[in-house]
Amino acid sequence: MYNRGIRGATTVTRNEEQDILQATAILLKEIVERNEIDPEDICSVWITVTPDLDATFPARAIRVLNGWDMVPLMCSTEIPVKGGLPMCIRLLIQTNTTKSQREMKHVYQNEAKSLRPDLSASGQ
């Protein structure tokens, strides 16, 4: 068994509570489905948002999902790099698995596909 990290990112078009919560839930669900993750195997989830997103904590979208109430979640603000992708939510899920690093399926949605075109284009 190994501890592996799975990355994901998405964007929203508005700094609104429901937009942020919905985008976070959609991103997490795709990561979970594509990697066949059980919340019981999750060590923690690190969530960052760009400084322009402050309407809510994205962790709220995860905490209410069935089986996720005891998974450690942490939110933070992404560093404000000039020219960085705005309105972006990023997830780093650390999970226990028997899969290799190459078998992890990272998920980039919406405008966040530009962050890792090598993974987005290949259907990774």
Protein backbone atom coordinates (compact mmCIF):
# COMPACT_ATOMS: atom_id res chain seq x y z
CA MET A 1 0.00 0.00 0.00
CA TYR A 2 1.29 3.44 -0.95
CA ASN A 3 0.24 7.00 -0.20
CA ARG A 4 -0.39 8.74 -3.53
CA GLY A 5 -1.39 12.24 -4.48
CA ILE A 6 -4.07 12.99 -7.04
CA ARG A 7 -4.38 16.49 -8.45
CA GLY A 8 -7.38 18.25 -9.81
CA ALA A 9 -8.41 21.77 -10.71
CA THR A 10 -11.40 23.62 -12.06
CA THR A 11 -12.57 27.17 -12.55
CA VAL A 12 -15.73 29.14 -11.94
CA THR A 13 -16.99 32.21 -13.73
CA ARG A 14 -18.29 34.00 -10.62
CA ASN A 15 -17.20 34.44 -7.01
CA GLU A 16 -20.51 33.11 -5.72
CA GLU A 17 -21.03 30.58 -2.94
CA GLN A 18 -23.10 28.13 -4.98
CA ASP A 19 -20.76 28.29 -7.98
CA ILE A 20 -17.75 27.44 -5.81
CA LEU A 21 -19.54 24.63 -3.95
CA GLN A 22 -20.94 23.10 -7.12
CA ALA A 23 -17.63 23.22 -9.01
CA THR A 24 -15.78 21.69 -6.05
CA ALA A 25 -18.29 18.84 -5.74
CA ILE A 26 -18.20 18.10 -9.47
CA LEU A 27 -14.40 18.04 -9.50
CA LEU A 28 -14.15 15.78 -6.45
CA LYS A 29 -16.75 13.36 -7.77
CA GLU A 30 -14.90 12.96 -11.07
CA ILE A 31 -11.58 12.38 -9.30
CA VAL A 32 -13.19 9.78 -7.03
CA GLU A 33 -14.91 7.97 -9.90
CA ARG A 34 -11.90 7.93 -12.23
CA ASN A 35 -9.58 6.68 -9.47
CA GLU A 36 -12.08 4.35 -7.76
CA ILE A 37 -11.44 5.96 -4.37
CA ASP A 38 -13.22 5.07 -1.14
CA PRO A 39 -13.33 7.99 1.32
CA GLU A 40 -12.07 5.60 4.00
CA ASP A 41 -8.75 5.39 2.12
CA ILE A 42 -8.28 9.16 1.93
CA CYS A 43 -5.56 10.56 4.19
CA SER A 44 -6.43 14.21 3.55
CA VAL A 45 -7.56 16.72 0.96
CA TRP A 46 -5.74 20.01 0.46
CA ILE A 47 -7.89 22.65 -1.27
CA THR A 48 -6.64 25.95 -2.59
CA VAL A 49 -8.45 28.82 -4.26
CA THR A 50 -7.10 31.85 -6.05
CA PRO A 51 -7.37 35.10 -4.06
CA ASP A 52 -10.37 36.23 -6.13
CA LEU A 53 -12.54 33.44 -4.64
CA ASP A 54 -13.67 34.30 -1.14
CA ALA A 55 -17.43 33.71 -1.14
CA THR A 56 -17.19 30.41 0.78
CA PHE A 57 -14.92 27.58 1.88
CA PRO A 58 -14.85 24.91 -0.87
CA ALA A 59 -14.43 22.24 1.84
CA ARG A 60 -18.11 22.75 2.68
CA ALA A 61 -19.01 20.99 -0.58
CA ILE A 62 -16.99 17.93 0.42
CA ARG A 63 -17.90 17.74 4.08
CA VAL A 64 -21.59 17.09 3.32
CA LEU A 65 -20.94 14.16 0.97
CA ASN A 66 -21.80 10.71 2.28
CA GLY A 67 -18.74 9.14 3.95
CA TRP A 68 -16.60 12.29 3.85
CA ASP A 69 -17.47 13.72 7.28
CA MET A 70 -14.24 12.42 8.92
CA VAL A 71 -11.82 13.07 6.04
CA PRO A 72 -9.36 15.82 7.02
CA LEU A 73 -9.85 18.85 4.76
CA MET A 74 -7.78 22.03 4.61
CA CYS A 75 -8.47 25.20 2.61
CA SER A 76 -5.89 27.80 1.70
CA THR A 77 -5.32 30.64 -0.72
CA GLU A 78 -3.13 29.97 -3.73
CA ILE A 79 -0.11 32.27 -4.05
CA PRO A 80 -0.96 35.27 -6.27
CA VAL A 81 1.41 34.77 -9.20
CA LYS A 82 1.17 37.40 -11.95
CA GLY A 83 -0.53 35.92 -14.98
CA GLY A 84 -1.82 32.94 -13.01
CA LEU A 85 -5.17 31.37 -13.84
CA PRO A 86 -7.94 33.33 -12.05
CA MET A 87 -11.08 31.94 -10.40
CA CYS A 88 -9.42 28.56 -9.85
CA ILE A 89 -10.06 25.82 -7.30
CA ARG A 90 -7.37 23.17 -6.88
CA LEU A 91 -7.50 19.85 -5.01
CA LEU A 92 -4.71 17.58 -3.85
CA ILE A 93 -6.11 14.30 -2.56
CA GLN A 94 -3.75 12.03 -0.65
CA THR A 95 -4.97 8.46 -0.67
CA ASN A 96 -3.76 5.02 0.33
CA THR A 97 -3.72 2.71 -2.67
CA THR A 98 -1.95 -0.22 -4.29
CA LYS A 99 -1.87 1.65 -7.62
CA SER A 100 1.32 3.08 -9.07
CA GLN A 101 1.89 6.82 -9.46
CA ARG A 102 1.33 6.48 -13.23
CA GLU A 103 -2.08 4.91 -12.60
CA MET A 104 -3.38 7.99 -10.77
CA LYS A 105 -5.86 9.88 -12.93
CA HIS A 106 -5.58 13.63 -12.43
CA VAL A 107 -8.59 15.75 -13.43
CA TYR A 108 -8.56 19.24 -14.93
CA GLN A 109 -11.86 20.84 -15.84
CA ASN A 110 -13.03 24.05 -17.49
CA GLU A 111 -10.29 26.68 -17.93
CA ALA A 112 -8.02 24.71 -15.57
CA LYS A 113 -7.25 22.34 -18.46
CA SER A 114 -4.64 24.94 -19.43
CA LEU A 115 -2.70 24.18 -16.24
CA ARG A 116 -1.79 20.67 -17.38
CA PRO A 117 -2.53 20.32 -21.09
CA ASP A 118 -0.36 17.19 -21.10
CA LEU A 119 -2.88 15.48 -18.83
CA SER A 120 -6.03 17.10 -20.16
CA ALA A 121 -5.35 16.32 -23.83
CA SER A 122 -4.56 12.65 -23.22
CA GLY A 123 -7.78 11.99 -21.36
CA GLN A 124 -5.58 11.22 -18.33
